Amino acid sequence: MSAVPGAARAVVDLARISRGFADPVSGAQRVFRALLDATARPGRIAALPDDAIAGFGAAALSPAAYAVLLALLDAQTSAWLGGATAGALDPLRFHTGVRVAHSAPEAAFVALDAEHAAPSLWSRLASGTDERPQDGATLVVDVPSLHAGDAGRGESALVLRGPGIESVHRLAVGGLDAPFWAARAALAPAFPRGVDLVLACGARLAALPRTTRVAVEG
């Protein structure tokens, strides 16, 4: 399908559309509940229900990242996808009606793969205001590995503290190095302004809201 200048953002190539939820209402609700639970328990791995995400997927995004965006996006929100995830933009527009932001700083939801998640991104994203902290962006990052416990090669060993964590919680995350986490920590003095983070890997996810303090071991 071809597009004319000025209309490109309104055109969707139907041949590139990946499937969405088999049952849009039930599927979105189940994924949203899983995300809420993960947000209430920062750093805990949540596995999305197989039947909720069965049969869909966009090659540019993991099933978990795709499901989260399908559940959260609608015509009243804006999104920007970068790096390897950009190929999922057409399916998300088709299924949710989301508005496409021209750049990451303009978007309410931003998705990237770990390789393109530069530390400088944190200071560029919308962080809301003191009066409207809820206007801070949500960042979804597809990572190559994500698990509780000790970190392996190419992974950051994170120590998490804050609301929803009884003492400390340890999380190993692949593809995001210490400068990425240091840039996130630099936003802490601006609280309640900030950016919420969702990490996705395969059909699993973990949420790190802005209230979660992250330290990198080693």
Protein backbone atom coordinates (compact mmCIF):
# COMPACT_ATOMS: atom_id res chain seq x y z
CA MET A 1 0.00 0.00 0.00
CA SER A 2 1.42 3.36 -0.97
CA ALA A 3 0.93 6.65 0.78
CA VAL A 4 1.03 10.26 -0.32
CA PRO A 5 3.12 12.88 1.48
CA GLY A 6 1.31 14.27 4.51
CA ALA A 7 -0.93 11.22 4.80
CA ALA A 8 1.69 8.62 5.70
CA ARG A 9 0.91 8.62 9.40
CA ALA A 10 -2.78 7.89 8.68
CA VAL A 11 -2.14 4.90 6.41
CA VAL A 12 -1.86 1.36 7.73
CA ASP A 13 -0.47 -1.45 5.57
CA LEU A 14 -2.99 -4.24 6.22
CA ALA A 15 -0.52 -6.86 5.01
CA ARG A 16 1.67 -6.04 8.02
CA ILE A 17 -1.02 -6.27 10.68
CA SER A 18 -0.37 -8.84 13.40
CA ARG A 19 -3.25 -10.32 15.34
CA GLY A 20 -4.46 -8.73 18.53
CA PHE A 21 -6.27 -10.32 21.44
CA ALA A 22 -8.66 -13.10 20.41
CA ASP A 23 -11.13 -11.54 22.86
CA PRO A 24 -10.16 -7.84 22.98
CA VAL A 25 -12.05 -7.00 26.17
CA SER A 26 -11.14 -10.06 28.21
CA GLY A 27 -7.58 -10.19 26.91
CA ALA A 28 -6.89 -6.54 27.67
CA GLN A 29 -8.42 -6.84 31.14
CA ARG A 30 -6.35 -9.88 32.06
CA VAL A 31 -3.10 -8.31 30.88
CA PHE A 32 -3.96 -5.05 32.64
CA ARG A 33 -4.59 -6.92 35.91
CA ALA A 34 -1.25 -8.71 35.55
CA LEU A 35 0.48 -5.37 34.98
CA LEU A 36 -1.26 -3.81 37.99
CA ASP A 37 -0.10 -6.71 40.17
CA ALA A 38 3.45 -6.37 38.85
CA THR A 39 3.39 -2.63 39.57
CA ALA A 40 2.21 -3.25 43.12
CA ARG A 41 5.08 -5.71 43.60
CA PRO A 42 8.01 -3.99 41.83
CA GLY A 43 10.58 -6.26 40.25
CA ARG A 44 8.51 -9.43 40.64
CA ILE A 45 8.21 -11.43 37.43
CA ALA A 46 4.68 -11.74 36.08
CA ALA A 47 3.95 -14.39 33.46
CA LEU A 48 1.06 -13.40 31.21
CA PRO A 49 -1.71 -16.01 30.80
CA ASP A 50 -1.04 -18.21 27.76
CA ASP A 51 -4.64 -18.15 26.62
CA ALA A 52 -4.79 -14.35 26.83
CA ILE A 53 -1.90 -13.91 24.40
CA ALA A 54 -2.28 -17.08 22.34
CA GLY A 55 -2.00 -16.66 18.60
CA PHE A 56 -0.92 -13.06 18.50
CA GLY A 57 2.36 -11.27 18.33
CA ALA A 58 4.34 -8.73 16.42
CA ALA A 59 7.81 -9.85 15.41
CA ALA A 60 9.18 -6.45 16.41
CA LEU A 61 8.03 -6.86 20.02
CA SER A 62 8.00 -9.64 22.58
CA PRO A 63 4.53 -11.05 23.38
CA ALA A 64 4.61 -9.35 26.78
CA ALA A 65 5.50 -5.91 25.41
CA TYR A 66 2.93 -6.22 22.62
CA ALA A 67 0.24 -7.33 25.09
CA VAL A 68 0.97 -4.47 27.50
CA LEU A 69 0.74 -1.90 24.72
CA LEU A 70 -2.45 -3.44 23.34
CA ALA A 71 -3.95 -3.22 26.83
CA LEU A 72 -2.83 0.34 27.60
CA LEU A 73 -3.09 2.22 24.32
CA ASP A 74 -6.23 3.82 22.94
CA ALA A 75 -7.28 6.77 20.80
CA GLN A 76 -6.77 9.20 23.69
CA THR A 77 -3.12 8.24 24.20
CA SER A 78 0.04 8.76 22.18
CA ALA A 79 2.90 6.36 21.52
CA TRP A 80 6.36 6.35 20.01
CA LEU A 81 8.23 3.16 19.13
CA GLY A 82 11.95 3.16 18.40
CA GLY A 83 14.72 0.82 17.37
CA ALA A 84 13.70 -2.72 16.55
CA THR A 85 10.22 -2.21 18.01
CA ALA A 86 9.15 0.33 15.40
CA GLY A 87 7.83 -2.43 13.15
CA ALA A 88 4.96 -3.02 15.59
CA LEU A 89 3.55 0.45 15.13
CA ASP A 90 1.06 -0.42 12.38
CA PRO A 91 -0.56 -3.32 14.30
CA LEU A 92 -0.86 -1.17 17.42
CA ARG A 93 -2.43 1.68 15.48
CA PHE A 94 -4.86 -0.71 13.83
CA HIS A 95 -5.96 -2.44 17.02
CA THR A 96 -5.98 0.52 19.44
CA GLY A 97 -6.36 3.71 17.43
CA VAL A 98 -3.41 5.21 19.30
CA ARG A 99 -2.03 8.53 18.11
CA VAL A 100 1.55 8.38 16.82
CA ALA A 101 3.89 10.88 18.46
CA HIS A 102 6.53 12.55 16.31
CA SER A 103 9.23 11.94 18.91
CA ALA A 104 9.77 10.15 22.21
CA PRO A 105 9.48 13.30 24.38
CA GLU A 106 5.97 13.92 23.01
CA ALA A 107 4.63 10.43 23.79
CA ALA A 108 2.73 9.10 26.77
CA PHE A 109 4.00 5.59 25.97
CA VAL A 110 7.43 4.80 24.57
CA ALA A 111 8.67 1.35 23.53
CA LEU A 112 12.22 0.36 22.66
CA ASP A 113 14.43 -2.68 22.52
CA ALA A 114 17.27 -2.73 25.06
CA GLU A 115 19.91 -2.06 22.41
CA HIS A 116 18.38 1.34 21.62
CA ALA A 117 17.48 2.34 25.20
CA ALA A 118 20.19 4.95 25.71
CA PRO A 119 20.72 6.53 29.15
CA SER A 120 19.90 9.97 27.70
CA LEU A 121 16.37 8.79 27.02
CA TRP A 122 15.38 9.22 30.69
CA SER A 123 15.91 12.99 30.67
CA ARG A 124 14.05 13.38 27.38
CA LEU A 125 10.81 11.64 28.27
CA ALA A 126 7.77 13.44 29.66
CA SER A 127 7.90 13.33 33.47
CA GLY A 128 4.68 15.19 34.28
CA THR A 129 4.51 18.13 36.67
CA ASP A 130 4.21 18.48 40.43
CA GLU A 131 0.50 19.17 39.92
CA ARG A 132 0.01 16.39 37.34
CA PRO A 133 2.63 13.69 37.95
CA GLN A 134 0.36 11.18 36.19
CA ASP A 135 1.37 12.83 32.92
CA GLY A 136 4.79 11.18 33.18
CA ALA A 137 5.52 8.71 30.41
CA THR A 138 5.54 4.93 30.61
CA LEU A 139 8.63 3.32 29.08
CA VAL A 140 8.40 -0.27 27.84
CA VAL A 141 11.74 -1.94 27.10
CA ASP A 142 12.17 -5.35 25.50
CA VAL A 143 15.16 -7.03 27.16
CA PRO A 144 16.98 -10.25 26.19
CA SER A 145 16.78 -11.75 29.70
CA LEU A 146 14.81 -11.10 32.86
CA HIS A 147 14.76 -13.18 36.03
CA ALA A 148 14.96 -13.03 39.82
CA GLY A 149 18.21 -13.80 41.61
CA ASP A 150 21.84 -13.62 40.58
CA ALA A 151 22.88 -12.01 37.30
CA GLY A 152 24.78 -13.80 34.57
CA ARG A 153 26.99 -12.54 31.77
CA GLY A 154 25.59 -9.45 30.04
CA GLU A 155 23.08 -8.83 32.82
CA SER A 156 22.80 -6.09 35.41
CA ALA A 157 22.30 -7.26 39.00
CA LEU A 158 19.70 -4.91 40.42
CA VAL A 159 18.85 -4.39 44.07
CA LEU A 160 15.37 -2.88 44.44
CA ARG A 161 13.90 -1.03 47.41
CA GLY A 162 10.81 1.02 48.01
CA PRO A 163 7.02 0.73 48.27
CA GLY A 164 5.74 -2.77 47.58
CA ILE A 165 9.07 -4.37 48.56
CA GLU A 166 9.32 -5.71 52.09
CA SER A 167 13.09 -5.32 52.38
CA VAL A 168 15.03 -5.74 49.15
CA HIS A 169 14.37 -7.59 45.93
CA ARG A 170 17.01 -8.74 43.46
CA LEU A 171 16.38 -8.74 39.73
CA ALA A 172 18.70 -9.65 36.86
CA VAL A 173 18.13 -7.74 33.62
CA GLY A 174 19.94 -8.28 30.34
CA GLY A 175 20.88 -5.60 27.85
CA LEU A 176 20.67 -2.52 30.10
CA ASP A 177 23.97 -1.41 31.62
CA ALA A 178 24.88 0.63 34.69
CA PRO A 179 24.72 4.05 32.92
CA PHE A 180 21.10 3.35 31.97
CA TRP A 181 20.19 2.72 35.61
CA ALA A 182 22.26 5.68 36.83
CA ALA A 183 20.33 7.97 34.48
CA ARG A 184 17.08 6.62 35.89
CA ALA A 185 18.29 7.25 39.45
CA ALA A 186 19.08 10.85 38.55
CA LEU A 187 15.35 11.52 38.16
CA ALA A 188 14.58 10.59 41.79
CA PRO A 189 14.92 14.13 43.26
CA ALA A 190 12.13 15.30 40.92
CA PHE A 191 9.53 12.97 42.50
CA PRO A 192 6.52 12.90 42.19
CA ARG A 193 7.47 13.65 38.62
CA GLY A 194 9.06 10.74 36.81
CA VAL A 195 8.81 7.90 34.33
CA ASP A 196 7.43 4.41 34.99
CA LEU A 197 9.25 1.43 33.49
CA VAL A 198 8.00 -1.93 32.24
CA LEU A 199 10.57 -4.60 31.33
CA ALA A 200 9.40 -7.32 28.94
CA CYS A 201 11.01 -10.60 27.94
CA GLY A 202 9.11 -13.28 26.06
CA ALA A 203 5.73 -13.67 27.80
CA ARG A 204 7.04 -12.29 31.11
CA LEU A 205 7.28 -8.78 32.48
CA ALA A 206 8.38 -6.81 35.53
CA ALA A 207 7.37 -3.29 36.47
CA LEU A 208 9.54 -0.64 38.10
CA PRO A 209 7.41 2.38 38.99
CA ARG A 210 9.12 5.69 39.66
CA THR A 211 8.90 5.04 43.43
CA THR A 212 11.26 2.06 43.19
CA ARG A 213 14.89 2.74 44.05
CA VAL A 214 17.37 0.77 41.97
CA ALA A 215 21.03 0.09 42.74
CA VAL A 216 23.36 -1.93 40.51
CA GLU A 217 25.59 -4.45 42.28
CA GLY A 218 29.15 -5.05 41.19
